Amino acid sequence: MLEARNVRVFYNHGFLSPRRNYITPPVSCSILANEIVGLSGPSGCGKTSLGKALLGLSPAWEGDIFWRGNNIRRMSLRRLRPFYGWIGQEPTMAFNPRRKILDALLETLKVNGRSDGGRQRIFKMCDQLNLERELMFRHPFEMSPGQIQRCSLIRVFMLEPRFVLLDEPTSSLDPVNQTQIYEYIFSWRRVHGLAILLISHSSAFLSRICQKIISLEEDE
């Protein structure tokens, strides 16, 4: 599903003669369909930066990244983008605070050519996530952290992704919501063969649910 070969994330330091300052050590890994791979390491080691690079969301990296055998440096990602999702720590950042949730979700479907039956698809996922349909007519700031994170799940999973990067998606939630969120994600994985890269500070948590773990131990 996804393969990285000697990928290192960096930022350029200096103006007249910029130098590359590396955020991460070289990383090589492969993630198969229906596989959960963990990404661990201390704060500041570049876990999120690496995740963004793997999804083509950051230009400052070197090495090679392949999506289903296609080198992302040599292709347009537009066609494959809906199949590779990101769910982060701050779900409100995924939504325009001035727009109602339903409008934002319908726009996502339209941009990706999935607008047919969009409302029915969204409301069905609300039922699966124990989310009241009426909440779709609210703005993000009118919702609790658990509710808005469920909306983030809808935004990603309604496009039927094949790979999802989870960047500590329940870190701001209470234990009940944490359990429910992960139960839904893992249920989707079992049914659809979803591949997952899960970022977490807790190696113990990752060791319980992941087939393998990538560890970043070097600080910036």
N, C-alpha and C. Protein backbone atom coordinates (compact mmCIF):
# COMPACT_ATOMS: atom_id res chain seq x y z
N MET A 1 0.82 -1.20 0.00
CA MET A 1 0.00 0.00 0.00
C MET A 1 0.86 1.27 0.00
N LEU A 2 1.86 1.27 0.88
CA LEU A 2 2.77 2.42 0.96
C LEU A 2 4.17 1.92 1.29
N GLU A 3 5.18 2.49 0.64
CA GLU A 3 6.56 2.11 0.90
C GLU A 3 7.43 3.36 0.94
N ALA A 4 8.31 3.43 1.93
CA ALA A 4 9.27 4.52 2.06
C ALA A 4 10.68 3.95 1.97
N ARG A 5 11.55 4.62 1.22
CA ARG A 5 12.93 4.19 1.08
C ARG A 5 13.86 5.34 1.45
N ASN A 6 14.53 5.20 2.59
CA ASN A 6 15.49 6.19 3.05
C ASN A 6 14.92 7.61 3.04
N VAL A 7 13.75 7.74 3.58
CA VAL A 7 13.09 9.06 3.63
C VAL A 7 13.58 9.84 4.85
N ARG A 8 14.02 11.06 4.61
CA ARG A 8 14.43 11.97 5.67
C ARG A 8 13.74 13.32 5.46
N VAL A 9 13.18 13.85 6.52
CA VAL A 9 12.52 15.15 6.46
C VAL A 9 13.49 16.21 6.94
N PHE A 10 13.48 17.38 6.31
CA PHE A 10 14.43 18.43 6.66
C PHE A 10 13.77 19.80 6.56
N TYR A 11 14.44 20.79 7.05
CA TYR A 11 14.08 22.18 6.76
C TYR A 11 15.35 22.92 6.36
N ASN A 12 15.20 23.93 5.53
CA ASN A 12 16.34 24.69 5.05
C ASN A 12 16.67 25.81 6.03
N HIS A 13 17.94 25.90 6.40
CA HIS A 13 18.40 26.91 7.34
C HIS A 13 19.34 27.87 6.61
N GLY A 14 19.05 29.16 6.72
CA GLY A 14 19.87 30.16 6.04
C GLY A 14 19.19 30.66 4.78
N PHE A 15 19.63 31.83 4.30
CA PHE A 15 18.99 32.45 3.14
C PHE A 15 19.89 32.45 1.91
N LEU A 16 21.09 33.03 2.02
CA LEU A 16 21.97 33.12 0.87
C LEU A 16 22.54 31.77 0.47
N SER A 17 22.91 30.97 1.45
CA SER A 17 23.43 29.63 1.17
C SER A 17 22.74 28.64 2.11
N PRO A 18 21.48 28.31 1.85
CA PRO A 18 20.70 27.47 2.77
C PRO A 18 21.31 26.08 2.92
N ARG A 19 21.21 25.58 4.13
CA ARG A 19 21.67 24.23 4.43
C ARG A 19 20.48 23.40 4.93
N ARG A 20 20.56 22.11 4.71
CA ARG A 20 19.50 21.22 5.15
C ARG A 20 19.73 20.78 6.59
N ASN A 21 18.78 21.06 7.44
CA ASN A 21 18.80 20.54 8.81
C ASN A 21 17.78 19.41 8.88
N TYR A 22 18.25 18.22 9.18
CA TYR A 22 17.37 17.05 9.14
C TYR A 22 16.59 16.89 10.43
N ILE A 23 15.29 16.68 10.29
CA ILE A 23 14.39 16.50 11.43
C ILE A 23 14.34 15.05 11.85
N THR A 24 14.43 14.15 10.88
CA THR A 24 14.32 12.71 11.16
C THR A 24 15.53 11.97 10.63
N PRO A 25 15.82 10.80 11.20
CA PRO A 25 16.82 9.91 10.60
C PRO A 25 16.23 9.26 9.34
N PRO A 26 17.05 8.61 8.51
CA PRO A 26 16.50 7.92 7.33
C PRO A 26 15.53 6.82 7.77
N VAL A 27 14.39 6.77 7.11
CA VAL A 27 13.36 5.79 7.45
C VAL A 27 13.01 4.99 6.20
N SER A 28 13.04 3.67 6.32
CA SER A 28 12.57 2.77 5.27
C SER A 28 11.54 1.83 5.89
N CYS A 29 10.41 1.69 5.24
CA CYS A 29 9.34 0.83 5.76
C CYS A 29 8.36 0.51 4.66
N SER A 30 7.55 -0.49 4.89
CA SER A 30 6.45 -0.81 3.99
C SER A 30 5.21 -1.10 4.82
N ILE A 31 4.07 -0.69 4.30
CA ILE A 31 2.80 -0.90 4.99
C ILE A 31 1.86 -1.62 4.03
N LEU A 32 1.39 -2.78 4.43
CA LEU A 32 0.55 -3.61 3.58
C LEU A 32 -0.93 -3.33 3.85
N ALA A 33 -1.79 -3.76 2.94
CA ALA A 33 -3.23 -3.67 3.16
C ALA A 33 -3.61 -4.42 4.42
N ASN A 34 -4.51 -3.85 5.21
CA ASN A 34 -5.02 -4.46 6.44
C ASN A 34 -3.96 -4.56 7.54
N GLU A 35 -2.89 -3.79 7.42
CA GLU A 35 -1.82 -3.83 8.41
C GLU A 35 -1.82 -2.56 9.24
N ILE A 36 -1.52 -2.69 10.53
CA ILE A 36 -1.36 -1.54 11.41
C ILE A 36 0.11 -1.43 11.78
N VAL A 37 0.70 -0.31 11.42
CA VAL A 37 2.11 -0.05 11.73
C VAL A 37 2.17 1.14 12.67
N GLY A 38 2.94 1.02 13.73
CA GLY A 38 3.09 2.09 14.69
C GLY A 38 4.30 2.96 14.39
N LEU A 39 4.20 4.24 14.75
CA LEU A 39 5.30 5.18 14.63
C LEU A 39 5.48 5.85 15.99
N SER A 40 6.58 5.54 16.66
CA SER A 40 6.77 6.03 18.03
C SER A 40 8.03 6.88 18.13
N GLY A 41 8.15 7.56 19.27
CA GLY A 41 9.31 8.39 19.52
C GLY A 41 8.96 9.55 20.42
N PRO A 42 9.95 10.20 21.03
CA PRO A 42 9.70 11.30 21.94
C PRO A 42 9.22 12.55 21.21
N SER A 43 8.70 13.51 21.96
CA SER A 43 8.28 14.78 21.39
C SER A 43 9.45 15.45 20.69
N GLY A 44 9.18 16.01 19.52
CA GLY A 44 10.22 16.72 18.79
C GLY A 44 11.08 15.87 17.89
N CYS A 45 10.78 14.56 17.80
CA CYS A 45 11.63 13.69 16.98
C CYS A 45 11.21 13.65 15.51
N GLY A 46 10.09 14.29 15.18
CA GLY A 46 9.69 14.38 13.78
C GLY A 46 8.62 13.41 13.33
N LYS A 47 7.86 12.85 14.25
CA LYS A 47 6.83 11.86 13.87
C LYS A 47 5.79 12.48 12.93
N THR A 48 5.25 13.62 13.32
CA THR A 48 4.23 14.27 12.48
C THR A 48 4.82 14.73 11.16
N SER A 49 6.04 15.26 11.19
CA SER A 49 6.69 15.70 9.95
C SER A 49 6.88 14.55 8.98
N LEU A 50 7.28 13.40 9.50
CA LEU A 50 7.42 12.22 8.65
C LEU A 50 6.08 11.79 8.08
N GLY A 51 5.05 11.82 8.92
CA GLY A 51 3.72 11.45 8.45
C GLY A 51 3.26 12.34 7.31
N LYS A 52 3.49 13.65 7.43
CA LYS A 52 3.10 14.58 6.36
C LYS A 52 3.87 14.29 5.08
N ALA A 53 5.14 13.95 5.22
CA ALA A 53 5.93 13.62 4.03
C ALA A 53 5.39 12.38 3.33
N LEU A 54 5.04 11.36 4.11
CA LEU A 54 4.53 10.12 3.52
C LEU A 54 3.23 10.34 2.75
N LEU A 55 2.46 11.34 3.16
CA LEU A 55 1.21 11.64 2.48
C LEU A 55 1.37 12.72 1.41
N GLY A 56 2.59 13.12 1.16
CA GLY A 56 2.82 14.14 0.14
C GLY A 56 2.34 15.51 0.55
N LEU A 57 2.25 15.77 1.84
CA LEU A 57 1.77 17.05 2.34
C LEU A 57 2.91 18.00 2.70
N SER A 58 4.13 17.54 2.57
CA SER A 58 5.30 18.37 2.86
C SER A 58 6.32 18.17 1.75
N PRO A 59 6.83 19.26 1.15
CA PRO A 59 7.80 19.11 0.06
C PRO A 59 9.23 18.91 0.54
N ALA A 60 9.49 19.14 1.82
CA ALA A 60 10.87 19.16 2.32
C ALA A 60 11.29 17.78 2.82
N TRP A 61 11.52 16.86 1.91
CA TRP A 61 11.98 15.53 2.27
C TRP A 61 12.80 14.97 1.11
N GLU A 62 13.64 14.01 1.42
CA GLU A 62 14.43 13.33 0.41
C GLU A 62 14.27 11.83 0.57
N GLY A 63 14.54 11.11 -0.49
CA GLY A 63 14.31 9.68 -0.51
C GLY A 63 13.22 9.35 -1.53
N ASP A 64 12.59 8.22 -1.37
CA ASP A 64 11.52 7.80 -2.30
C ASP A 64 10.32 7.29 -1.52
N ILE A 65 9.14 7.70 -1.96
CA ILE A 65 7.88 7.25 -1.37
C ILE A 65 7.00 6.72 -2.49
N PHE A 66 6.46 5.52 -2.27
CA PHE A 66 5.63 4.88 -3.28
C PHE A 66 4.23 4.64 -2.72
N TRP A 67 3.22 5.02 -3.49
CA TRP A 67 1.83 4.68 -3.17
C TRP A 67 1.40 3.61 -4.16
N ARG A 68 1.14 2.43 -3.66
CA ARG A 68 0.73 1.30 -4.51
C ARG A 68 1.65 1.14 -5.71
N GLY A 69 2.95 1.27 -5.46
CA GLY A 69 3.96 1.07 -6.50
C GLY A 69 4.29 2.29 -7.32
N ASN A 70 3.60 3.41 -7.10
CA ASN A 70 3.83 4.63 -7.87
C ASN A 70 4.68 5.61 -7.06
N ASN A 71 5.80 6.04 -7.61
CA ASN A 71 6.66 7.02 -6.95
C ASN A 71 5.96 8.37 -6.96
N ILE A 72 5.69 8.93 -5.79
CA ILE A 72 4.86 10.14 -5.73
C ILE A 72 5.60 11.36 -6.27
N ARG A 73 6.90 11.29 -6.43
CA ARG A 73 7.63 12.41 -7.04
C ARG A 73 7.38 12.49 -8.54
N ARG A 74 6.91 11.40 -9.13
CA ARG A 74 6.79 11.32 -10.59
C ARG A 74 5.36 11.21 -11.06
N MET A 75 4.43 11.60 -10.23
CA MET A 75 3.03 11.46 -10.60
C MET A 75 2.19 12.56 -9.98
N SER A 76 1.03 12.77 -10.54
CA SER A 76 0.04 13.66 -9.93
C SER A 76 -0.73 12.87 -8.87
N LEU A 77 -0.80 13.44 -7.68
CA LEU A 77 -1.47 12.74 -6.58
C LEU A 77 -2.98 12.95 -6.58
N ARG A 78 -3.48 13.78 -7.47
CA ARG A 78 -4.89 14.16 -7.42
C ARG A 78 -5.81 12.95 -7.49
N ARG A 79 -5.49 12.00 -8.35
CA ARG A 79 -6.37 10.85 -8.54
C ARG A 79 -6.38 9.93 -7.33
N LEU A 80 -5.22 9.79 -6.66
CA LEU A 80 -5.11 8.86 -5.54
C LEU A 80 -5.35 9.51 -4.19
N ARG A 81 -5.39 10.84 -4.15
CA ARG A 81 -5.48 11.54 -2.87
C ARG A 81 -6.64 11.07 -1.99
N PRO A 82 -7.86 10.83 -2.51
CA PRO A 82 -8.96 10.41 -1.63
C PRO A 82 -8.70 9.09 -0.91
N PHE A 83 -7.79 8.26 -1.43
CA PHE A 83 -7.55 6.94 -0.83
C PHE A 83 -6.51 6.97 0.28
N TYR A 84 -5.93 8.16 0.55
CA TYR A 84 -4.89 8.29 1.57
C TYR A 84 -5.30 9.43 2.51
N GLY A 85 -5.76 9.06 3.70
CA GLY A 85 -6.33 10.05 4.60
C GLY A 85 -5.47 10.35 5.82
N TRP A 86 -5.78 11.47 6.46
CA TRP A 86 -5.07 11.93 7.66
C TRP A 86 -6.09 12.29 8.71
N ILE A 87 -5.92 11.77 9.93
CA ILE A 87 -6.76 12.17 11.06
C ILE A 87 -5.81 12.59 12.18
N GLY A 88 -5.89 13.87 12.56
CA GLY A 88 -4.91 14.43 13.47
C GLY A 88 -5.41 14.65 14.88
N GLN A 89 -4.56 15.32 15.67
CA GLN A 89 -4.86 15.57 17.08
C GLN A 89 -5.90 16.66 17.27
N GLU A 90 -5.93 17.62 16.34
CA GLU A 90 -6.81 18.78 16.47
C GLU A 90 -7.89 18.72 15.40
N PRO A 91 -9.00 18.03 15.65
CA PRO A 91 -10.01 17.85 14.61
C PRO A 91 -10.64 19.14 14.12
N THR A 92 -10.69 20.19 14.97
CA THR A 92 -11.30 21.44 14.53
C THR A 92 -10.51 22.07 13.39
N MET A 93 -9.22 21.73 13.27
CA MET A 93 -8.41 22.30 12.20
C MET A 93 -8.82 21.80 10.83
N ALA A 94 -9.59 20.71 10.79
CA ALA A 94 -10.03 20.14 9.51
C ALA A 94 -11.25 20.86 8.95
N PHE A 95 -11.82 21.79 9.71
CA PHE A 95 -13.07 22.43 9.29
C PHE A 95 -12.96 23.95 9.34
N ASN A 96 -13.62 24.59 8.39
CA ASN A 96 -13.73 26.04 8.38
C ASN A 96 -14.71 26.45 9.48
N PRO A 97 -14.29 27.26 10.46
CA PRO A 97 -15.19 27.61 11.57
C PRO A 97 -16.41 28.40 11.14
N ARG A 98 -16.38 28.97 9.94
CA ARG A 98 -17.51 29.78 9.46
C ARG A 98 -18.56 28.95 8.72
N ARG A 99 -18.25 27.69 8.48
CA ARG A 99 -19.17 26.85 7.71
C ARG A 99 -19.75 25.76 8.57
N LYS A 100 -20.98 25.39 8.29
CA LYS A 100 -21.60 24.28 8.99
C LYS A 100 -20.94 22.97 8.54
N ILE A 101 -20.95 22.00 9.45
CA ILE A 101 -20.27 20.74 9.20
C ILE A 101 -20.79 20.07 7.93
N LEU A 102 -22.08 20.03 7.74
CA LEU A 102 -22.65 19.36 6.58
C LEU A 102 -22.16 20.00 5.29
N ASP A 103 -22.12 21.33 5.24
CA ASP A 103 -21.65 22.02 4.04
C ASP A 103 -20.20 21.66 3.74
N ALA A 104 -19.37 21.59 4.79
CA ALA A 104 -17.96 21.24 4.59
C ALA A 104 -17.82 19.81 4.07
N LEU A 105 -18.61 18.89 4.61
CA LEU A 105 -18.53 17.50 4.17
C LEU A 105 -19.03 17.33 2.74
N LEU A 106 -20.10 18.01 2.40
CA LEU A 106 -20.62 17.93 1.04
C LEU A 106 -19.62 18.51 0.04
N GLU A 107 -18.92 19.56 0.44
CA GLU A 107 -17.90 20.14 -0.44
C GLU A 107 -16.77 19.14 -0.69
N THR A 108 -16.37 18.42 0.36
CA THR A 108 -15.32 17.41 0.21
C THR A 108 -15.74 16.34 -0.79
N LEU A 109 -16.99 15.89 -0.69
CA LEU A 109 -17.48 14.89 -1.64
C LEU A 109 -17.51 15.45 -3.06
N LYS A 110 -17.94 16.69 -3.21
CA LYS A 110 -18.02 17.30 -4.54
C LYS A 110 -16.65 17.43 -5.18
N VAL A 111 -15.67 17.91 -4.41
CA VAL A 111 -14.31 18.09 -4.93
C VAL A 111 -13.73 16.76 -5.41
N ASN A 112 -14.10 15.68 -4.74
CA ASN A 112 -13.56 14.36 -5.08
C ASN A 112 -14.48 13.54 -5.97
N GLY A 113 -15.47 14.19 -6.55
CA GLY A 113 -16.35 13.52 -7.50
C GLY A 113 -17.24 12.46 -6.90
N ARG A 114 -17.63 12.64 -5.62
CA ARG A 114 -18.47 11.64 -4.94
C ARG A 114 -19.79 12.25 -4.44
N SER A 115 -20.27 13.28 -5.09
CA SER A 115 -21.39 14.04 -4.54
C SER A 115 -22.74 13.33 -4.63
N ASP A 116 -22.88 12.33 -5.51
CA ASP A 116 -24.15 11.62 -5.63
C ASP A 116 -24.51 10.92 -4.31
N GLY A 117 -25.70 11.21 -3.80
CA GLY A 117 -26.14 10.60 -2.57
C GLY A 117 -25.32 11.01 -1.37
N GLY A 118 -24.75 12.21 -1.43
CA GLY A 118 -23.84 12.66 -0.38
C GLY A 118 -24.48 12.78 0.98
N ARG A 119 -25.66 13.36 1.05
CA ARG A 119 -26.32 13.53 2.35
C ARG A 119 -26.65 12.19 2.99
N GLN A 120 -27.15 11.27 2.18
CA GLN A 120 -27.50 9.95 2.71
C GLN A 120 -26.25 9.23 3.24
N ARG A 121 -25.12 9.37 2.52
CA ARG A 121 -23.88 8.74 2.95
C ARG A 121 -23.42 9.33 4.28
N ILE A 122 -23.50 10.65 4.40
CA ILE A 122 -23.07 11.32 5.63
C ILE A 122 -23.95 10.92 6.79
N PHE A 123 -25.26 10.93 6.61
CA PHE A 123 -26.18 10.61 7.70
C PHE A 123 -26.05 9.14 8.12
N LYS A 124 -25.77 8.25 7.16
CA LYS A 124 -25.57 6.85 7.50
C LYS A 124 -24.33 6.69 8.39
N MET A 125 -23.28 7.43 8.08
CA MET A 125 -22.07 7.35 8.90
C MET A 125 -22.29 7.98 10.27
N CYS A 126 -23.15 8.99 10.34
CA CYS A 126 -23.52 9.55 11.64
C CYS A 126 -24.13 8.46 12.53
N ASP A 127 -25.02 7.67 11.95
CA ASP A 127 -25.65 6.59 12.71
C ASP A 127 -24.62 5.56 13.17
N GLN A 128 -23.66 5.24 12.31
CA GLN A 128 -22.64 4.26 12.67
C GLN A 128 -21.74 4.76 13.80
N LEU A 129 -21.56 6.07 13.87
CA LEU A 129 -20.67 6.67 14.86
C LEU A 129 -21.41 7.20 16.08
N ASN A 130 -22.70 6.85 16.19
CA ASN A 130 -23.51 7.33 17.31
C ASN A 130 -23.48 8.86 17.42
N LEU A 131 -23.63 9.51 16.27
CA LEU A 131 -23.60 10.96 16.20
C LEU A 131 -24.96 11.44 15.69
N GLU A 132 -25.61 12.30 16.44
CA GLU A 132 -26.93 12.78 16.04
C GLU A 132 -26.85 13.53 14.72
N ARG A 133 -27.77 13.23 13.83
CA ARG A 133 -27.76 13.86 12.52
C ARG A 133 -27.92 15.38 12.60
N GLU A 134 -28.63 15.85 13.60
CA GLU A 134 -28.86 17.29 13.75
C GLU A 134 -27.56 18.06 13.95
N LEU A 135 -26.53 17.38 14.44
CA LEU A 135 -25.25 18.05 14.66
C LEU A 135 -24.58 18.48 13.36
N MET A 136 -24.98 17.88 12.26
CA MET A 136 -24.40 18.25 10.98
C MET A 136 -24.73 19.68 10.58
N PHE A 137 -25.74 20.25 11.20
CA PHE A 137 -26.15 21.62 10.87
C PHE A 137 -25.55 22.64 11.84
N ARG A 138 -24.56 22.22 12.62
CA ARG A 138 -23.86 23.12 13.53
C ARG A 138 -22.50 23.51 12.96
N HIS A 139 -21.91 24.53 13.57
CA HIS A 139 -20.55 24.93 13.25
C HIS A 139 -19.58 24.14 14.14
N PRO A 140 -18.31 24.03 13.74
CA PRO A 140 -17.36 23.24 14.54
C PRO A 140 -17.25 23.67 15.99
N PHE A 141 -17.28 24.98 16.25
CA PHE A 141 -17.11 25.47 17.62
C PHE A 141 -18.32 25.19 18.51
N GLU A 142 -19.40 24.70 17.92
CA GLU A 142 -20.59 24.37 18.69
C GLU A 142 -20.62 22.90 19.12
N MET A 143 -19.52 22.18 18.87
CA MET A 143 -19.49 20.75 19.13
C MET A 143 -18.42 20.42 20.15
N SER A 144 -18.58 19.29 20.82
CA SER A 144 -17.59 18.81 21.79
C SER A 144 -16.41 18.19 21.03
N PRO A 145 -15.27 17.99 21.72
CA PRO A 145 -14.13 17.35 21.05
C PRO A 145 -14.46 15.97 20.47
N GLY A 146 -15.23 15.18 21.22
CA GLY A 146 -15.60 13.86 20.72
C GLY A 146 -16.47 13.94 19.48
N GLN A 147 -17.40 14.89 19.46
CA GLN A 147 -18.29 15.04 18.31
C GLN A 147 -17.53 15.51 17.07
N ILE A 148 -16.66 16.50 17.24
CA ILE A 148 -15.95 17.02 16.07
C ILE A 148 -14.94 16.00 15.54
N GLN A 149 -14.38 15.16 16.43
CA GLN A 149 -13.48 14.13 15.93
C GLN A 149 -14.25 13.08 15.14
N ARG A 150 -15.46 12.78 15.54
CA ARG A 150 -16.29 11.88 14.75
C ARG A 150 -16.59 12.48 13.37
N CYS A 151 -16.78 13.78 13.32
CA CYS A 151 -16.97 14.45 12.03
C CYS A 151 -15.72 14.33 11.16
N SER A 152 -14.54 14.38 11.79
CA SER A 152 -13.30 14.19 11.05
C SER A 152 -13.22 12.78 10.47
N LEU A 153 -13.69 11.80 11.24
CA LEU A 153 -13.72 10.43 10.73
C LEU A 153 -14.65 10.33 9.53
N ILE A 154 -15.80 10.98 9.61
CA ILE A 154 -16.72 10.96 8.47
C ILE A 154 -16.05 11.56 7.24
N ARG A 155 -15.37 12.67 7.44
CA ARG A 155 -14.73 13.37 6.32
C ARG A 155 -13.73 12.48 5.60
N VAL A 156 -13.01 11.67 6.34
CA VAL A 156 -12.01 10.79 5.73
C VAL A 156 -12.65 9.51 5.20
N PHE A 157 -13.45 8.84 6.01
CA PHE A 157 -13.94 7.51 5.65
C PHE A 157 -15.06 7.53 4.62
N MET A 158 -15.75 8.64 4.44
CA MET A 158 -16.78 8.68 3.41
C MET A 158 -16.18 8.62 2.01
N LEU A 159 -14.87 8.86 1.89
CA LEU A 159 -14.18 8.73 0.60
C LEU A 159 -13.63 7.33 0.38
N GLU A 160 -13.87 6.42 1.33
CA GLU A 160 -13.46 5.03 1.25
C GLU A 160 -11.95 4.89 1.04
N PRO A 161 -11.16 5.37 2.01
CA PRO A 161 -9.70 5.33 1.86
C PRO A 161 -9.16 3.91 1.97
N ARG A 162 -7.94 3.73 1.45
CA ARG A 162 -7.23 2.46 1.57
C ARG A 162 -6.14 2.53 2.64
N PHE A 163 -5.69 3.77 2.92
CA PHE A 163 -4.63 3.98 3.91
C PHE A 163 -4.98 5.23 4.71
N VAL A 164 -4.80 5.15 6.03
CA VAL A 164 -5.06 6.31 6.89
C VAL A 164 -3.92 6.47 7.88
N LEU A 165 -3.45 7.69 8.02
CA LEU A 165 -2.46 8.02 9.04
C LEU A 165 -3.20 8.62 10.24
N LEU A 166 -3.02 8.01 11.39
CA LEU A 166 -3.66 8.47 12.62
C LEU A 166 -2.60 9.13 13.49
N ASP A 167 -2.67 10.45 13.61
CA ASP A 167 -1.68 11.21 14.38
C ASP A 167 -2.25 11.49 15.77
N GLU A 168 -2.14 10.49 16.66
CA GLU A 168 -2.67 10.59 18.01
C GLU A 168 -4.09 11.18 18.01
N PRO A 169 -5.02 10.53 17.31
CA PRO A 169 -6.34 11.12 17.07
C PRO A 169 -7.22 11.23 18.31
N THR A 170 -6.86 10.57 19.42
CA THR A 170 -7.72 10.61 20.60
C THR A 170 -7.04 11.29 21.79
N SER A 171 -5.94 12.00 21.54
CA SER A 171 -5.17 12.57 22.65
C SER A 171 -5.95 13.61 23.45
N SER A 172 -6.94 14.26 22.83
CA SER A 172 -7.70 15.30 23.52
C SER A 172 -9.05 14.80 24.03
N LEU A 173 -9.27 13.47 23.97
CA LEU A 173 -10.58 12.92 24.31
C LEU A 173 -10.54 12.16 25.63
N ASP A 174 -11.72 11.99 26.23
CA ASP A 174 -11.83 11.20 27.45
C ASP A 174 -11.77 9.71 27.09
N PRO A 175 -11.53 8.83 28.08
CA PRO A 175 -11.35 7.40 27.79
C PRO A 175 -12.50 6.75 27.03
N VAL A 176 -13.74 7.15 27.32
CA VAL A 176 -14.88 6.55 26.63
C VAL A 176 -14.84 6.88 25.14
N ASN A 177 -14.62 8.16 24.83
CA ASN A 177 -14.55 8.56 23.43
C ASN A 177 -13.33 7.95 22.74
N GLN A 178 -12.23 7.84 23.44
CA GLN A 178 -11.04 7.21 22.86
C GLN A 178 -11.36 5.80 22.41
N THR A 179 -11.99 5.03 23.27
CA THR A 179 -12.32 3.64 22.96
C THR A 179 -13.27 3.56 21.77
N GLN A 180 -14.30 4.40 21.76
CA GLN A 180 -15.29 4.36 20.68
C GLN A 180 -14.68 4.74 19.33
N ILE A 181 -13.81 5.74 19.34
CA ILE A 181 -13.17 6.16 18.09
C ILE A 181 -12.32 5.03 17.51
N TYR A 182 -11.50 4.42 18.35
CA TYR A 182 -10.64 3.34 17.86
C TYR A 182 -11.46 2.12 17.44
N GLU A 183 -12.55 1.84 18.16
CA GLU A 183 -13.39 0.70 17.78
C GLU A 183 -13.94 0.89 16.37
N TYR A 184 -14.35 2.11 16.04
CA TYR A 184 -14.89 2.36 14.70
C TYR A 184 -13.79 2.20 13.65
N ILE A 185 -12.62 2.79 13.91
CA ILE A 185 -11.53 2.72 12.95
C ILE A 185 -11.11 1.28 12.70
N PHE A 186 -10.97 0.50 13.76
CA PHE A 186 -10.52 -0.88 13.60
C PHE A 186 -11.61 -1.75 12.97
N SER A 187 -12.87 -1.42 13.22
CA SER A 187 -13.96 -2.12 12.55
C SER A 187 -13.92 -1.87 11.05
N TRP A 188 -13.68 -0.61 10.66
CA TRP A 188 -13.57 -0.28 9.24
C TRP A 188 -12.40 -1.04 8.61
N ARG A 189 -11.31 -1.12 9.34
CA ARG A 189 -10.13 -1.85 8.84
C ARG A 189 -10.47 -3.30 8.56
N ARG A 190 -11.18 -3.95 9.48
CA ARG A 190 -11.50 -5.37 9.29
C ARG A 190 -12.38 -5.59 8.07
N VAL A 191 -13.30 -4.69 7.83
CA VAL A 191 -14.26 -4.85 6.73
C VAL A 191 -13.64 -4.48 5.39
N HIS A 192 -12.84 -3.41 5.37
CA HIS A 192 -12.37 -2.85 4.10
C HIS A 192 -10.89 -3.09 3.82
N GLY A 193 -10.18 -3.76 4.70
CA GLY A 193 -8.77 -4.00 4.45
C GLY A 193 -7.92 -2.76 4.56
N LEU A 194 -8.27 -1.88 5.46
CA LEU A 194 -7.58 -0.59 5.60
C LEU A 194 -6.18 -0.77 6.16
N ALA A 195 -5.21 -0.05 5.59
CA ALA A 195 -3.86 0.02 6.13
C ALA A 195 -3.75 1.26 7.00
N ILE A 196 -3.06 1.15 8.14
CA ILE A 196 -3.00 2.23 9.11
C ILE A 196 -1.56 2.46 9.55
N LEU A 197 -1.16 3.74 9.60
CA LEU A 197 0.06 4.14 10.29
C LEU A 197 -0.37 4.95 11.50
N LEU A 198 -0.07 4.46 12.69
CA LEU A 198 -0.56 5.04 13.93
C LEU A 198 0.59 5.70 14.69
N ILE A 199 0.51 7.01 14.88
CA ILE A 199 1.52 7.76 15.62
C ILE A 199 1.10 7.83 17.08
N SER A 200 2.03 7.52 17.98
CA SER A 200 1.74 7.60 19.40
C SER A 200 3.04 7.74 20.19
N HIS A 201 2.95 8.43 21.35
CA HIS A 201 4.08 8.51 22.27
C HIS A 201 4.26 7.20 23.04
N SER A 202 3.20 6.42 23.11
CA SER A 202 3.20 5.23 23.97
C SER A 202 3.60 3.98 23.19
N SER A 203 4.81 3.51 23.44
CA SER A 203 5.26 2.27 22.80
C SER A 203 4.45 1.07 23.29
N ALA A 204 4.02 1.12 24.56
CA ALA A 204 3.23 0.02 25.12
C ALA A 204 1.89 -0.10 24.40
N PHE A 205 1.25 1.03 24.12
CA PHE A 205 -0.02 1.02 23.39
C PHE A 205 0.17 0.46 21.99
N LEU A 206 1.21 0.93 21.31
CA LEU A 206 1.46 0.47 19.95
C LEU A 206 1.77 -1.03 19.90
N SER A 207 2.50 -1.51 20.89
CA SER A 207 2.88 -2.93 20.88
C SER A 207 1.68 -3.85 21.03
N ARG A 208 0.59 -3.35 21.58
CA ARG A 208 -0.61 -4.18 21.77
C ARG A 208 -1.40 -4.36 20.48
N ILE A 209 -1.33 -3.39 19.57
CA ILE A 209 -2.24 -3.43 18.42
C ILE A 209 -1.54 -3.42 17.06
N CYS A 210 -0.24 -3.18 17.02
CA CYS A 210 0.46 -3.04 15.75
C CYS A 210 1.22 -4.31 15.37
N GLN A 211 1.29 -4.56 14.07
CA GLN A 211 2.07 -5.69 13.57
C GLN A 211 3.57 -5.39 13.63
N LYS A 212 3.93 -4.12 13.45
CA LYS A 212 5.32 -3.70 13.57
C LYS A 212 5.36 -2.23 13.96
N ILE A 213 6.52 -1.79 14.46
CA ILE A 213 6.66 -0.43 14.98
C ILE A 213 7.93 0.20 14.42
N ILE A 214 7.79 1.44 13.94
CA ILE A 214 8.93 2.26 13.52
C ILE A 214 9.24 3.20 14.67
N SER A 215 10.48 3.23 15.11
CA SER A 215 10.87 4.05 16.26
C SER A 215 11.81 5.16 15.80
N LEU A 216 11.45 6.41 16.12
CA LEU A 216 12.31 7.56 15.86
C LEU A 216 12.88 8.02 17.19
N GLU A 217 14.15 7.81 17.38
CA GLU A 217 14.77 8.14 18.66
C GLU A 217 15.61 9.38 18.63
N GLU A 218 15.91 9.89 17.42
CA GLU A 218 16.77 11.07 17.34
C GLU A 218 15.93 12.33 17.44
N ASP A 219 16.35 13.26 18.28
CA ASP A 219 15.69 14.57 18.40
C ASP A 219 16.10 15.43 17.22
N GLU A 220 15.37 16.57 17.11
CA GLU A 220 15.71 17.50 16.07
C GLU A 220 17.13 18.05 16.29
